[in-house]
Amino acid sequence: MKTVTWTPKTPFYPAATVTTDWMTYDSDAGRWVDIQMGSFGGYGYTTATGWTHGLMLWTSEAFLPNGDVTSATGNLTTKVSDVKYTTAQAFTTTAGLLYHITSVCTKQ
């Protein structure tokens, strides 16, 4: 599966970005894998064991403190319906600020 996300500039990142994700299921490891690449060269990959009661927790396998971001949580995806999902995550900055981010994905 491939998804492309357009994000406007935010208070914590002063430029609009485009992120492309490729997701697949690794049957040998028994987990989902999501590889992300951003329009400014950033990258990462997360893994999840699968859905439990409409929830999937994605854990970063490659997070490194970067710029102003010192730590980040996993991404919790919630299945709202067959065509709508939400994702929640948080991160902390060097100034000690905690940002919570929520996003909504709808199938077209």
C-alpha atoms as a PDB file:
ATOM      1  CA  MET A   1       0.000   0.000   0.000  1.00  0.00           C
ATOM      2  CA  LYS A   2       1.206   3.488  -0.756  1.00  0.00           C
ATOM      3  CA  THR A   3      -0.040   6.704   0.843  1.00  0.00           C
ATOM      4  CA  VAL A   4       0.955  10.305   0.200  1.00  0.00           C
ATOM      5  CA  THR A   5       0.337  12.933   2.894  1.00  0.00           C
ATOM      6  CA  TRP A   6       0.422  16.703   2.365  1.00  0.00           C
ATOM      7  CA  THR A   7       1.010  18.664   5.596  1.00  0.00           C
ATOM      8  CA  PRO A   8       0.835  22.471   5.802  1.00  0.00           C
ATOM      9  CA  LYS A   9       3.479  24.350   7.775  1.00  0.00           C
ATOM     10  CA  THR A  10       2.951  24.227  11.529  1.00  0.00           C
ATOM     11  CA  PRO A  11       4.243  26.127  14.567  1.00  0.00           C
ATOM     12  CA  PHE A  12       6.838  23.384  15.106  1.00  0.00           C
ATOM     13  CA  TYR A  13       7.861  22.979  11.434  1.00  0.00           C
ATOM     14  CA  PRO A  14       7.884  26.131   9.262  1.00  0.00           C
ATOM     15  CA  ALA A  15       7.443  24.512   5.829  1.00  0.00           C
ATOM     16  CA  ALA A  16       4.751  22.491   4.097  1.00  0.00           C
ATOM     17  CA  THR A  17       5.822  18.867   3.567  1.00  0.00           C
ATOM     18  CA  VAL A  18       4.893  15.831   1.521  1.00  0.00           C
ATOM     19  CA  THR A  19       5.454  12.381   3.018  1.00  0.00           C
ATOM     20  CA  THR A  20       5.187   9.102   1.116  1.00  0.00           C
ATOM     21  CA  ASP A  21       4.588   5.868   3.033  1.00  0.00           C
ATOM     22  CA  TRP A  22       4.895   2.325   1.762  1.00  0.00           C
ATOM     23  CA  MET A  23       3.249  -0.318   3.956  1.00  0.00           C
ATOM     24  CA  THR A  24       3.533  -4.055   3.710  1.00  0.00           C
ATOM     25  CA  TYR A  25       3.085  -7.153   5.840  1.00  0.00           C
ATOM     26  CA  ASP A  26       6.235  -9.142   6.637  1.00  0.00           C
ATOM     27  CA  SER A  27       4.904 -12.675   7.080  1.00  0.00           C
ATOM     28  CA  ASP A  28       8.312 -14.019   8.181  1.00  0.00           C
ATOM     29  CA  ALA A  29       8.518 -11.527  11.058  1.00  0.00           C
ATOM     30  CA  GLY A  30       4.738 -11.498  11.658  1.00  0.00           C
ATOM     31  CA  ARG A  31       4.443  -7.709  11.575  1.00  0.00           C
ATOM     32  CA  TRP A  32       3.392  -4.739   9.482  1.00  0.00           C
ATOM     33  CA  VAL A  33       6.143  -2.431   8.229  1.00  0.00           C
ATOM     34  CA  ASP A  34       5.710   1.222   7.194  1.00  0.00           C
ATOM     35  CA  ILE A  35       8.613   2.962   5.460  1.00  0.00           C
ATOM     36  CA  GLN A  36       8.316   6.762   5.261  1.00  0.00           C
ATOM     37  CA  MET A  37      10.202   9.306   3.159  1.00  0.00           C
ATOM     38  CA  GLY A  38       9.701  13.074   3.380  1.00  0.00           C
ATOM     39  CA  SER A  39      10.082  15.851   0.859  1.00  0.00           C
ATOM     40  CA  PHE A  40      13.128  17.255   2.688  1.00  0.00           C
ATOM     41  CA  GLY A  41      15.035  13.954   2.846  1.00  0.00           C
ATOM     42  CA  GLY A  42      13.754  12.713   6.194  1.00  0.00           C
ATOM     43  CA  TYR A  43      12.945   9.036   6.560  1.00  0.00           C
ATOM     44  CA  GLY A  44      11.864   6.490   9.101  1.00  0.00           C
ATOM     45  CA  TYR A  45      10.226   3.160   9.520  1.00  0.00           C
ATOM     46  CA  THR A  46       7.719   1.853  11.979  1.00  0.00           C
ATOM     47  CA  THR A  47       6.347  -1.583  12.744  1.00  0.00           C
ATOM     48  CA  ALA A  48       3.123  -2.940  14.224  1.00  0.00           C
ATOM     49  CA  THR A  49       1.961  -6.419  15.124  1.00  0.00           C
ATOM     50  CA  GLY A  50      -1.561  -5.828  13.816  1.00  0.00           C
ATOM     51  CA  TRP A  51      -5.056  -4.750  14.788  1.00  0.00           C
ATOM     52  CA  THR A  52      -6.430  -5.324  18.290  1.00  0.00           C
ATOM     53  CA  HIS A  53      -9.973  -4.127  18.992  1.00  0.00           C
ATOM     54  CA  GLY A  54      -9.785  -1.542  16.195  1.00  0.00           C
ATOM     55  CA  LEU A  55      -6.390  -0.177  17.304  1.00  0.00           C
ATOM     56  CA  MET A  56      -2.900  -0.544  15.835  1.00  0.00           C
ATOM     57  CA  LEU A  57       0.195   0.830  17.583  1.00  0.00           C
ATOM     58  CA  TRP A  58       3.084   1.707  15.258  1.00  0.00           C
ATOM     59  CA  THR A  59       6.503   1.824  16.956  1.00  0.00           C
ATOM     60  CA  SER A  60       9.470   3.678  15.454  1.00  0.00           C
ATOM     61  CA  GLU A  61      12.455   1.472  14.700  1.00  0.00           C
ATOM     62  CA  ALA A  62      14.694   4.341  13.575  1.00  0.00           C
ATOM     63  CA  PHE A  63      13.883   7.434  15.681  1.00  0.00           C
ATOM     64  CA  LEU A  64      16.846   9.672  16.399  1.00  0.00           C
ATOM     65  CA  PRO A  65      16.589  13.075  18.056  1.00  0.00           C
ATOM     66  CA  ASN A  66      16.547  15.552  15.192  1.00  0.00           C
ATOM     67  CA  GLY A  67      16.632  19.332  15.231  1.00  0.00           C
ATOM     68  CA  ASP A  68      14.320  20.499  17.981  1.00  0.00           C
ATOM     69  CA  VAL A  69      12.636  17.110  18.581  1.00  0.00           C
ATOM     70  CA  THR A  70      14.090  15.121  21.474  1.00  0.00           C
ATOM     71  CA  SER A  71      11.578  12.265  21.839  1.00  0.00           C
ATOM     72  CA  ALA A  72       8.446  10.889  20.208  1.00  0.00           C
ATOM     73  CA  THR A  73       5.704   8.422  21.045  1.00  0.00           C
ATOM     74  CA  GLY A  74       4.453   5.668  18.815  1.00  0.00           C
ATOM     75  CA  ASN A  75       1.563   6.309  16.435  1.00  0.00           C
ATOM     76  CA  LEU A  76      -1.797   4.938  17.583  1.00  0.00           C
ATOM     77  CA  THR A  77      -4.147   4.309  14.660  1.00  0.00           C
ATOM     78  CA  THR A  78      -7.855   3.845  15.378  1.00  0.00           C
ATOM     79  CA  LYS A  79     -10.307   2.343  12.891  1.00  0.00           C
ATOM     80  CA  VAL A  80     -13.384   4.561  13.095  1.00  0.00           C
ATOM     81  CA  SER A  81     -15.190   2.903  10.155  1.00  0.00           C
ATOM     82  CA  ASP A  82     -14.395   1.016   6.966  1.00  0.00           C
ATOM     83  CA  VAL A  83     -13.500   4.331   5.303  1.00  0.00           C
ATOM     84  CA  LYS A  84     -12.148   6.442   8.194  1.00  0.00           C
ATOM     85  CA  TYR A  85      -9.095   6.129  10.453  1.00  0.00           C
ATOM     86  CA  THR A  86      -7.507   8.478  12.980  1.00  0.00           C
ATOM     87  CA  THR A  87      -3.897   8.583  14.167  1.00  0.00           C
ATOM     88  CA  ALA A  88      -2.527  10.150  17.355  1.00  0.00           C
ATOM     89  CA  GLN A  89       1.081  10.756  18.348  1.00  0.00           C
ATOM     90  CA  ALA A  90       3.128  13.170  20.443  1.00  0.00           C
ATOM     91  CA  PHE A  91       6.653  14.524  20.612  1.00  0.00           C
ATOM     92  CA  THR A  92       8.764  16.680  22.918  1.00  0.00           C
ATOM     93  CA  THR A  93      11.035  19.582  21.907  1.00  0.00           C
ATOM     94  CA  THR A  94      14.319  20.733  23.412  1.00  0.00           C
ATOM     95  CA  ALA A  95      12.355  23.566  25.071  1.00  0.00           C
ATOM     96  CA  GLY A  96      10.319  20.913  26.914  1.00  0.00           C
ATOM     97  CA  LEU A  97       7.147  21.559  24.906  1.00  0.00           C
ATOM     98  CA  LEU A  98       4.907  18.557  24.311  1.00  0.00           C
ATOM     99  CA  TYR A  99       2.990  18.549  21.021  1.00  0.00           C
ATOM    100  CA  HIS A 100       0.034  16.211  20.391  1.00  0.00           C
ATOM    101  CA  ILE A 101      -0.813  15.543  16.761  1.00  0.00           C
ATOM    102  CA  THR A 102      -3.989  13.954  15.467  1.00  0.00           C
ATOM    103  CA  SER A 103      -4.741  13.186  11.871  1.00  0.00           C
ATOM    104  CA  VAL A 104      -7.715  11.809   9.988  1.00  0.00           C
ATOM    105  CA  CYS A 105      -7.523   9.544   6.951  1.00  0.00           C
ATOM    106  CA  THR A 106     -10.514   8.793   4.758  1.00  0.00           C
ATOM    107  CA  LYS A 107     -10.543   6.394   1.842  1.00  0.00           C
ATOM    108  CA  GLN A 108     -11.609   7.904  -1.476  1.00  0.00           C
END
